[in-house]
Amino acid sequence: MADRSSGLNQVLARSFNERLIMSLLLQNDGMTRLQLGQASGLSAQTISVIVRALERDRLISKGEAVRGRIGPPTTPIRLNPDGAFSIGLHIGISVLEAALIDFVGTPLMLKSSPIGNFDAENILAGLSSLVVDMTEECGPVRKSGLTGIGITMPRNFDDPTLSDAVHDIDLEDEMRNRTGLEVFIQNDVTATAGAESMFGAARNLGDHLFFYLGRTIQPRLILGGRIYSGSIAVPHLKMQTAEFPDFNALKQAPDQVGPQMATWIRTCSEGLTRLILDFGKFASVPDVVISGPVRDDIADEIVRLTRDEITATKPETSIAASTLGPWALTIGAAALPFHTRFMADMLY
């Protein structure tokens, strides 16, 4: 991530007040100048100056004026989806993934590529190729609006050889030189939790728990707008490849669900129930968001089973499925440049 302790640079050049307004617009579908002033505490004159500047840069757009109320018509202001674009790259164990998203987090293009030999040059070549494909296919307008590249990967790959192959690369420097774009790097689940808070199911939540499901259940605790990560051992959930679905294949052919899916769903629900109850012993968190590389109906079933188990013990807990879909890790990567360049809150 960019070093935010060393003062402003070209990445962080927008003023805090501008970032505050964009953060408010990201959390709301539309706000008037009056509402922006009330929510931000800024004067009407300051709001007007900021709105003009953001409108000039095409980062916001005005909706239709609302009439029929007492006083002059009010005009809602929204983030312009076409105001900025970002590319996200995710490094998995056997596949590289790429996503192009717009300024409100909508995925416009999704691609994947098998890694083959897991070594530094193959990884760099594969990532560079995905970026070239994305920039060539997205068109000149979107290409000119690219704000950077986010890259995510697991904290470790369960294999020291694989981990060394990635961690020995200066990914930020290498990819910046190869693409000419700013590069931001973060742990995959942490970045995904951030994207969920920016434009997913946690967009309007305060303190909450975020879980990502895969070979293990990976939790993130969000308190006071900051993401806290840690290692929580759940040995019985550390499943081998044969015991859970091929998630990469599932993304390409989501209807092909093997019989092991039902077992995986039950195992996830049981593990989530225990973890939520354990977290509740030291932190009062009212909301839970669950994400994973599966289609919506499978995620909804996990949420339903977990909610049924939790209701008896913690009926006040709200549990929801992620809205980022099975490509959540890659969308999380794509959110990194937006967060660093435009948002006021420091999630990571």
Protein backbone atom coordinates (compact mmCIF):
# COMPACT_ATOMS: atom_id res chain seq x y z
CA MET A 1 0.00 0.00 0.00
CA ALA A 2 1.04 3.60 -0.50
CA ASP A 3 2.87 5.05 2.51
CA ARG A 4 0.33 7.40 4.08
CA SER A 5 2.64 8.54 6.86
CA SER A 6 4.96 10.52 4.59
CA GLY A 7 2.64 13.29 3.51
CA LEU A 8 0.70 13.78 0.29
CA ASN A 9 2.03 12.52 -3.02
CA GLN A 10 0.60 12.21 -6.51
CA VAL A 11 -1.52 9.23 -5.41
CA LEU A 12 -3.00 11.04 -2.41
CA ALA A 13 -3.29 14.48 -3.94
CA ARG A 14 -7.05 15.03 -3.60
CA SER A 15 -8.00 16.98 -0.52
CA PHE A 16 -9.49 15.30 2.52
CA ASN A 17 -12.75 17.21 2.06
CA GLU A 18 -13.09 15.93 -1.51
CA ARG A 19 -12.41 12.41 -0.30
CA LEU A 20 -15.01 12.83 2.44
CA ILE A 21 -17.67 13.85 -0.08
CA MET A 22 -16.83 10.93 -2.38
CA SER A 23 -16.94 8.53 0.58
CA LEU A 24 -20.41 9.79 1.52
CA LEU A 25 -21.61 9.41 -2.07
CA LEU A 26 -20.19 5.90 -2.21
CA GLN A 27 -22.27 4.95 0.83
CA ASN A 28 -25.45 6.53 -0.53
CA ASP A 29 -27.23 6.24 -3.86
CA GLY A 30 -27.75 9.99 -4.07
CA MET A 31 -27.39 13.03 -1.80
CA THR A 32 -28.30 16.67 -2.20
CA ARG A 33 -25.84 19.46 -1.36
CA LEU A 34 -27.82 20.11 1.81
CA GLN A 35 -27.53 16.45 2.85
CA LEU A 36 -23.82 16.44 2.05
CA GLY A 37 -23.35 19.51 4.23
CA GLN A 38 -25.29 17.99 7.11
CA ALA A 39 -23.40 14.69 6.91
CA SER A 40 -19.93 16.21 6.48
CA GLY A 41 -20.19 19.33 8.63
CA LEU A 42 -18.82 21.42 5.74
CA SER A 43 -20.26 24.81 4.82
CA ALA A 44 -22.56 25.27 1.84
CA GLN A 45 -19.86 27.28 0.07
CA THR A 46 -17.26 24.55 0.59
CA ILE A 47 -19.70 21.90 -0.66
CA SER A 48 -20.36 23.97 -3.80
CA VAL A 49 -16.64 24.35 -4.53
CA ILE A 50 -16.01 20.63 -4.07
CA VAL A 51 -19.01 19.59 -6.16
CA ARG A 52 -17.88 21.83 -9.02
CA ALA A 53 -14.35 20.38 -8.88
CA LEU A 54 -15.56 16.77 -8.80
CA GLU A 55 -18.07 17.45 -11.56
CA ARG A 56 -15.33 19.02 -13.70
CA ASP A 57 -13.26 15.85 -13.25
CA ARG A 58 -16.32 13.70 -14.14
CA LEU A 59 -16.13 11.89 -10.81
CA ILE A 60 -19.72 12.81 -9.93
CA SER A 61 -22.90 13.40 -11.87
CA LYS A 62 -26.19 15.12 -11.12
CA GLY A 63 -29.50 13.31 -11.16
CA GLU A 64 -32.92 14.63 -12.12
CA ALA A 65 -34.19 17.53 -10.01
CA VAL A 66 -36.81 16.49 -7.45
CA ARG A 67 -39.83 18.82 -7.66
CA GLY A 68 -43.14 19.05 -5.88
CA ARG A 69 -41.73 19.91 -2.46
CA ILE A 70 -41.76 23.16 -0.57
CA GLY A 71 -38.92 25.39 -1.76
CA PRO A 72 -36.72 25.12 -4.85
CA PRO A 73 -36.18 21.73 -6.51
CA THR A 74 -33.37 19.62 -5.09
CA THR A 75 -30.87 17.80 -7.29
CA PRO A 76 -29.29 14.57 -6.03
CA ILE A 77 -25.57 14.07 -6.64
CA ARG A 78 -24.06 10.65 -7.29
CA LEU A 79 -20.70 9.14 -8.09
CA ASN A 80 -20.29 8.84 -11.84
CA PRO A 81 -19.76 5.13 -12.64
CA ASP A 82 -17.71 6.16 -15.68
CA GLY A 83 -15.63 8.66 -13.70
CA ALA A 84 -12.86 6.18 -12.88
CA PHE A 85 -11.91 2.58 -13.51
CA SER A 86 -9.58 0.09 -11.87
CA ILE A 87 -8.02 -3.29 -12.58
CA GLY A 88 -7.76 -5.96 -9.91
CA LEU A 89 -5.40 -8.95 -10.08
CA HIS A 90 -5.60 -11.94 -7.77
CA ILE A 91 -2.84 -14.53 -7.45
CA GLY A 92 -4.25 -17.94 -6.53
CA ILE A 93 -2.54 -21.28 -6.14
CA SER A 94 -3.22 -22.43 -9.71
CA VAL A 95 -4.85 -19.49 -11.46
CA LEU A 96 -4.49 -15.74 -11.99
CA GLU A 97 -7.66 -13.67 -12.09
CA ALA A 98 -8.37 -10.15 -13.33
CA ALA A 99 -11.33 -7.79 -12.99
CA LEU A 100 -12.08 -4.36 -14.42
CA ILE A 101 -14.54 -2.38 -12.29
CA ASP A 102 -16.12 1.05 -12.58
CA PHE A 103 -16.23 3.76 -9.91
CA VAL A 104 -19.17 2.19 -8.05
CA GLY A 105 -17.69 -1.31 -8.02
CA THR A 106 -19.57 -2.87 -10.93
CA PRO A 107 -17.45 -5.55 -12.62
CA LEU A 108 -17.20 -4.77 -16.33
CA MET A 109 -14.77 -7.50 -17.35
CA LEU A 110 -13.60 -10.72 -15.70
CA LYS A 111 -10.74 -12.94 -16.90
CA SER A 112 -8.66 -15.82 -15.59
CA SER A 113 -5.50 -17.58 -16.70
CA PRO A 114 -3.83 -20.80 -15.43
CA ILE A 115 -0.40 -20.22 -13.91
CA GLY A 116 1.39 -23.36 -15.07
CA ASN A 117 4.83 -23.37 -13.47
CA PHE A 118 4.54 -21.39 -10.25
CA ASP A 119 7.65 -19.23 -10.56
CA ALA A 120 8.31 -15.49 -10.53
CA GLU A 121 8.61 -14.96 -14.28
CA ASN A 122 5.48 -16.96 -15.08
CA ILE A 123 3.49 -15.00 -12.52
CA LEU A 124 4.73 -11.63 -13.77
CA ALA A 125 4.17 -12.60 -17.40
CA GLY A 126 0.67 -13.86 -16.63
CA LEU A 127 -0.31 -10.74 -14.68
CA SER A 128 1.09 -8.45 -17.38
CA SER A 129 -0.75 -10.36 -20.09
CA LEU A 130 -4.06 -10.03 -18.25
CA VAL A 131 -3.54 -6.27 -17.86
CA VAL A 132 -2.70 -5.93 -21.59
CA ASP A 133 -5.84 -7.88 -22.52
CA MET A 134 -7.97 -5.76 -20.23
CA THR A 135 -6.62 -2.42 -21.47
CA GLU A 136 -6.92 -3.43 -25.11
CA GLU A 137 -10.52 -4.58 -24.75
CA CYS A 138 -11.86 -1.89 -22.42
CA GLY A 139 -11.72 0.92 -25.00
CA PRO A 140 -9.94 4.30 -25.01
CA VAL A 141 -12.32 6.06 -22.60
CA ARG A 142 -12.03 3.45 -19.88
CA LYS A 143 -8.31 3.06 -20.51
CA SER A 144 -7.76 6.79 -20.00
CA GLY A 145 -9.75 6.60 -16.76
CA LEU A 146 -7.72 3.80 -15.19
CA THR A 147 -6.58 4.83 -11.70
CA GLY A 148 -4.29 1.91 -10.98
CA ILE A 149 -3.90 -1.80 -10.40
CA GLY A 150 -4.67 -3.64 -7.18
CA ILE A 151 -2.98 -6.98 -6.52
CA THR A 152 -4.05 -9.48 -3.88
CA MET A 153 -2.83 -12.89 -2.76
CA PRO A 154 -3.14 -15.16 0.29
CA ARG A 155 -0.97 -14.49 3.32
CA ASN A 156 0.63 -17.84 2.54
CA PHE A 157 0.05 -20.59 -0.02
CA ASP A 158 0.41 -23.54 2.42
CA ASP A 159 3.57 -24.41 0.51
CA PRO A 160 6.82 -22.55 1.31
CA THR A 161 8.03 -23.00 -2.28
CA LEU A 162 4.94 -21.30 -3.69
CA SER A 163 5.05 -18.54 -1.09
CA ASP A 164 8.73 -17.83 -1.82
CA ALA A 165 8.03 -17.64 -5.55
CA VAL A 166 5.61 -14.75 -4.97
CA HIS A 167 7.10 -12.99 -1.97
CA ASP A 168 10.56 -12.82 -3.55
CA ILE A 169 9.14 -10.61 -6.34
CA ASP A 170 8.96 -6.85 -5.99
CA LEU A 171 5.45 -6.95 -7.44
CA GLU A 172 4.78 -3.27 -6.99
CA ASP A 173 7.91 -2.15 -8.83
CA GLU A 174 7.78 -4.86 -11.49
CA MET A 175 4.14 -4.34 -12.43
CA ARG A 176 4.46 -0.54 -12.36
CA ASN A 177 7.36 -0.75 -14.81
CA ARG A 178 5.52 -3.21 -17.06
CA THR A 179 2.17 -1.40 -17.16
CA GLY A 180 2.89 2.26 -16.39
CA LEU A 181 0.13 2.23 -13.75
CA GLU A 182 0.27 2.72 -9.99
CA VAL A 183 0.18 -0.59 -8.11
CA PHE A 184 -1.34 -1.33 -4.69
CA ILE A 185 -0.88 -4.66 -2.87
CA GLN A 186 -2.88 -6.17 -0.02
CA ASN A 187 -3.83 -9.53 1.52
CA ASP A 188 -6.71 -11.00 -0.48
CA VAL A 189 -9.31 -11.44 2.28
CA THR A 190 -8.50 -8.07 3.87
CA ALA A 191 -8.94 -6.33 0.50
CA THR A 192 -12.22 -8.17 -0.07
CA ALA A 193 -13.52 -7.08 3.33
CA GLY A 194 -12.62 -3.52 2.32
CA ALA A 195 -14.47 -3.81 -0.98
CA GLU A 196 -17.51 -5.17 0.86
CA SER A 197 -17.46 -2.06 3.06
CA MET A 198 -17.05 0.23 0.06
CA PHE A 199 -19.72 -1.07 -2.30
CA GLY A 200 -20.98 -4.43 -1.05
CA ALA A 201 -23.29 -5.79 1.62
CA ALA A 202 -21.40 -3.95 4.37
CA ARG A 203 -21.62 -0.56 2.66
CA ASN A 204 -23.85 0.93 5.33
CA LEU A 205 -22.78 -1.23 8.26
CA GLY A 206 -20.77 -0.10 11.24
CA ASP A 207 -18.91 -2.68 13.33
CA HIS A 208 -19.24 -6.11 11.75
CA LEU A 209 -17.62 -9.48 11.11
CA PHE A 210 -16.58 -10.56 7.63
CA PHE A 211 -15.90 -14.19 6.73
CA TYR A 212 -14.44 -15.56 3.52
CA LEU A 213 -15.05 -19.25 2.85
CA GLY A 214 -12.73 -21.57 0.96
CA ARG A 215 -10.35 -24.27 2.11
CA THR A 216 -10.64 -22.57 5.50
CA ILE A 217 -12.87 -19.93 7.02
CA GLN A 218 -10.95 -16.66 7.14
CA PRO A 219 -12.37 -13.94 9.42
CA ARG A 220 -11.88 -10.20 9.50
CA LEU A 221 -13.17 -7.99 12.32
CA ILE A 222 -14.17 -4.45 11.34
CA LEU A 223 -14.35 -2.01 14.24
CA GLY A 224 -14.56 1.77 13.98
CA GLY A 225 -14.03 1.64 10.22
CA ARG A 226 -10.75 -0.33 10.49
CA ILE A 227 -10.14 -3.92 9.41
CA TYR A 228 -8.37 -6.17 11.88
CA SER A 229 -6.95 -9.47 10.70
CA GLY A 230 -5.38 -12.34 12.55
CA SER A 231 -4.70 -16.03 12.39
CA ILE A 232 -7.44 -18.22 13.84
CA ALA A 233 -6.80 -21.95 13.60
CA VAL A 234 -9.82 -24.00 12.61
CA PRO A 235 -8.18 -27.39 11.92
CA HIS A 236 -11.40 -29.30 11.19
CA LEU A 237 -12.15 -26.81 8.38
CA LYS A 238 -8.79 -27.20 6.66
CA MET A 239 -10.15 -29.40 3.90
CA GLN A 240 -8.16 -31.14 1.20
CA THR A 241 -8.90 -30.53 -2.49
CA ALA A 242 -10.91 -33.73 -2.85
CA GLU A 243 -13.29 -32.70 -0.08
CA PHE A 244 -14.56 -29.43 -1.47
CA PRO A 245 -15.66 -28.19 -4.90
CA ASP A 246 -13.25 -27.03 -7.58
CA PHE A 247 -13.99 -23.31 -7.14
CA ASN A 248 -12.09 -22.26 -10.27
CA ALA A 249 -14.17 -24.61 -12.39
CA LEU A 250 -17.31 -23.53 -10.57
CA LYS A 251 -16.78 -19.92 -11.67
CA GLN A 252 -16.60 -20.98 -15.32
CA ALA A 253 -19.55 -23.42 -15.10
CA PRO A 254 -21.59 -22.43 -12.03
CA ASP A 255 -24.27 -25.08 -12.63
CA GLN A 256 -21.80 -27.93 -12.31
CA VAL A 257 -22.03 -28.63 -8.59
CA GLY A 258 -20.63 -31.92 -7.34
CA PRO A 259 -22.13 -33.98 -4.48
CA GLN A 260 -19.44 -32.76 -2.09
CA MET A 261 -21.01 -29.28 -2.10
CA ALA A 262 -23.70 -30.21 0.45
CA THR A 263 -21.05 -31.48 2.86
CA TRP A 264 -18.97 -28.34 2.35
CA ILE A 265 -22.02 -26.13 2.98
CA ARG A 266 -22.82 -27.90 6.26
CA THR A 267 -19.18 -27.78 7.38
CA CYS A 268 -18.98 -24.05 6.65
CA SER A 269 -22.21 -23.34 8.51
CA GLU A 270 -21.06 -25.29 11.57
CA GLY A 271 -17.69 -23.54 11.59
CA LEU A 272 -19.24 -20.10 11.10
CA THR A 273 -21.62 -20.69 14.00
CA ARG A 274 -18.76 -21.53 16.34
CA LEU A 275 -16.65 -18.59 15.21
CA ILE A 276 -19.47 -16.05 15.51
CA LEU A 277 -20.23 -17.25 19.04
CA ASP A 278 -16.53 -17.17 19.94
CA PHE A 279 -16.13 -13.61 18.64
CA GLY A 280 -19.18 -12.61 20.64
CA LYS A 281 -17.37 -13.43 23.86
CA PHE A 282 -15.04 -10.46 23.51
CA ALA A 283 -16.65 -8.09 20.98
CA SER A 284 -20.27 -7.07 20.56
CA VAL A 285 -20.70 -7.08 16.79
CA PRO A 286 -24.29 -6.92 15.50
CA ASP A 287 -23.70 -7.76 11.83
CA VAL A 288 -22.01 -10.58 9.90
CA VAL A 289 -21.24 -10.74 6.16
CA ILE A 290 -20.29 -14.03 4.50
CA SER A 291 -18.42 -14.27 1.19
CA GLY A 292 -17.00 -17.10 -0.89
CA PRO A 293 -16.25 -18.28 -4.44
CA VAL A 294 -19.77 -19.63 -4.98
CA ARG A 295 -22.93 -18.51 -6.72
CA ASP A 296 -25.65 -16.60 -4.86
CA ASP A 297 -27.99 -19.50 -4.05
CA ILE A 298 -25.19 -21.48 -2.38
CA ALA A 299 -24.11 -18.44 -0.36
CA ASP A 300 -27.74 -17.86 0.64
CA GLU A 301 -28.05 -21.47 1.84
CA ILE A 302 -24.95 -21.10 4.04
CA VAL A 303 -26.37 -17.87 5.45
CA ARG A 304 -29.74 -19.52 6.12
CA LEU A 305 -28.24 -22.50 7.95
CA THR A 306 -25.93 -20.28 10.00
CA ARG A 307 -28.73 -17.88 10.87
CA ASP A 308 -30.91 -20.77 12.05
CA GLU A 309 -28.14 -21.92 14.40
CA ILE A 310 -27.26 -18.45 15.69
CA THR A 311 -30.82 -17.24 16.30
CA ALA A 312 -31.33 -19.42 19.36
CA THR A 313 -28.22 -18.02 21.10
CA LYS A 314 -27.76 -14.54 19.60
CA PRO A 315 -31.09 -13.49 18.04
CA GLU A 316 -29.88 -9.90 17.65
CA THR A 317 -27.15 -10.90 15.17
CA SER A 318 -27.83 -10.04 11.51
CA ILE A 319 -26.23 -12.36 8.94
CA ALA A 320 -26.06 -11.51 5.22
CA ALA A 321 -24.39 -12.86 2.10
CA SER A 322 -21.83 -10.82 0.22
CA THR A 323 -23.06 -8.98 -2.87
CA LEU A 324 -19.68 -9.18 -4.64
CA GLY A 325 -20.27 -12.70 -5.99
CA PRO A 326 -17.81 -15.54 -6.66
CA TRP A 327 -15.13 -13.14 -7.97
CA ALA A 328 -15.02 -11.25 -4.66
CA LEU A 329 -11.25 -11.65 -4.13
CA THR A 330 -10.49 -10.11 -7.52
CA ILE A 331 -13.02 -7.30 -7.06
CA GLY A 332 -11.38 -6.68 -3.68
CA ALA A 333 -8.08 -6.22 -5.50
CA ALA A 334 -9.67 -3.76 -7.93
CA ALA A 335 -11.03 -1.71 -5.03
CA LEU A 336 -7.54 -0.95 -3.69
CA PRO A 337 -6.68 1.97 -6.05
CA PHE A 338 -10.08 3.57 -5.43
CA HIS A 339 -9.69 3.36 -1.68
CA THR A 340 -6.20 4.86 -1.69
CA ARG A 341 -6.89 7.60 -4.24
CA PHE A 342 -10.42 8.70 -3.43
CA MET A 343 -11.74 7.55 -0.06
CA ALA A 344 -11.46 9.39 3.26
CA ASP A 345 -11.47 6.39 5.61
CA MET A 346 -8.30 4.31 6.07
CA LEU A 347 -9.77 0.81 6.22
CA TYR A 348 -6.55 -1.14 5.95
